[in-house]
Amino acid sequence: MRFKTLWSSQSIVAQLTRMMLLLGLSLVVVHNSPTLITLLAEQAVNSGCHQHMGEMDHSQHH
């Protein structure tokens, strides 16, 4: 019953606990899935500012 109360509570402690649990779960999933890591890395490269590197001078890059 305590878990159900904690999960539905709006207190700052309950919210932080939920965020920490979800962050921990996300880290475990990503850590144990090399395919997911590869896909996330490719997505980050494709959506970053480096996709336009060929169109500009490297000296202007931030």
Protein backbone atom coordinates (compact mmCIF):
# COMPACT_ATOMS: atom_id res chain seq x y z
CA MET A 1 0.00 0.00 0.00
CA ARG A 2 2.92 2.36 0.72
CA PHE A 3 4.19 1.99 -2.88
CA LYS A 4 0.79 2.89 -4.30
CA THR A 5 0.61 5.98 -2.09
CA LEU A 6 4.15 7.02 -3.03
CA TRP A 7 3.49 6.48 -6.74
CA SER A 8 0.34 8.66 -6.78
CA SER A 9 1.54 11.34 -4.36
CA GLN A 10 2.36 14.84 -5.61
CA SER A 11 4.91 15.64 -2.89
CA ILE A 12 8.41 16.67 -3.96
CA VAL A 13 9.90 13.58 -2.30
CA ALA A 14 7.52 11.30 -4.20
CA GLN A 15 8.22 13.08 -7.49
CA LEU A 16 11.99 12.86 -7.01
CA THR A 17 11.70 9.18 -6.06
CA ARG A 18 9.70 8.44 -9.21
CA MET A 19 12.19 10.32 -11.39
CA MET A 20 15.13 8.47 -9.84
CA LEU A 21 13.42 5.09 -10.33
CA LEU A 22 12.62 5.86 -13.96
CA LEU A 23 16.13 7.20 -14.59
CA GLY A 24 17.64 4.05 -13.06
CA LEU A 25 15.38 1.83 -15.15
CA SER A 26 16.28 3.78 -18.31
CA LEU A 27 20.00 3.47 -17.59
CA VAL A 28 19.71 -0.29 -17.02
CA VAL A 29 17.80 -0.75 -20.30
CA VAL A 30 20.26 1.35 -22.31
CA HIS A 31 23.28 -0.26 -20.67
CA ASN A 32 22.06 -3.76 -21.52
CA SER A 33 21.07 -3.02 -25.12
CA PRO A 34 24.04 -2.41 -27.47
CA THR A 35 21.67 -2.11 -30.44
CA LEU A 36 19.77 0.68 -28.72
CA ILE A 37 23.03 2.48 -27.90
CA THR A 38 24.07 2.30 -31.56
CA LEU A 39 20.71 3.60 -32.76
CA LEU A 40 20.76 6.47 -30.26
CA ALA A 41 24.32 7.40 -31.25
CA GLU A 42 23.43 7.41 -34.95
CA GLN A 43 20.35 9.54 -34.27
CA ALA A 44 22.40 12.03 -32.26
CA VAL A 45 24.96 12.39 -35.05
CA ASN A 46 22.28 12.70 -37.73
CA SER A 47 20.31 15.36 -35.86
CA GLY A 48 23.27 17.39 -34.62
CA CYS A 49 24.97 20.40 -36.12
CA HIS A 50 27.56 18.13 -37.74
CA GLN A 51 25.14 17.18 -40.50
CA HIS A 52 25.85 20.57 -42.13
CA MET A 53 29.63 20.46 -41.76
CA GLY A 54 30.19 19.99 -45.50
CA GLU A 55 28.33 23.22 -46.27
CA MET A 56 30.42 25.49 -44.03
CA ASP A 57 34.00 26.29 -43.31
CA HIS A 58 35.44 24.43 -40.30
CA SER A 59 36.82 27.69 -38.89
CA GLN A 60 33.25 28.95 -38.42
CA HIS A 61 32.18 25.91 -36.42
CA HIS A 62 31.48 26.61 -32.74
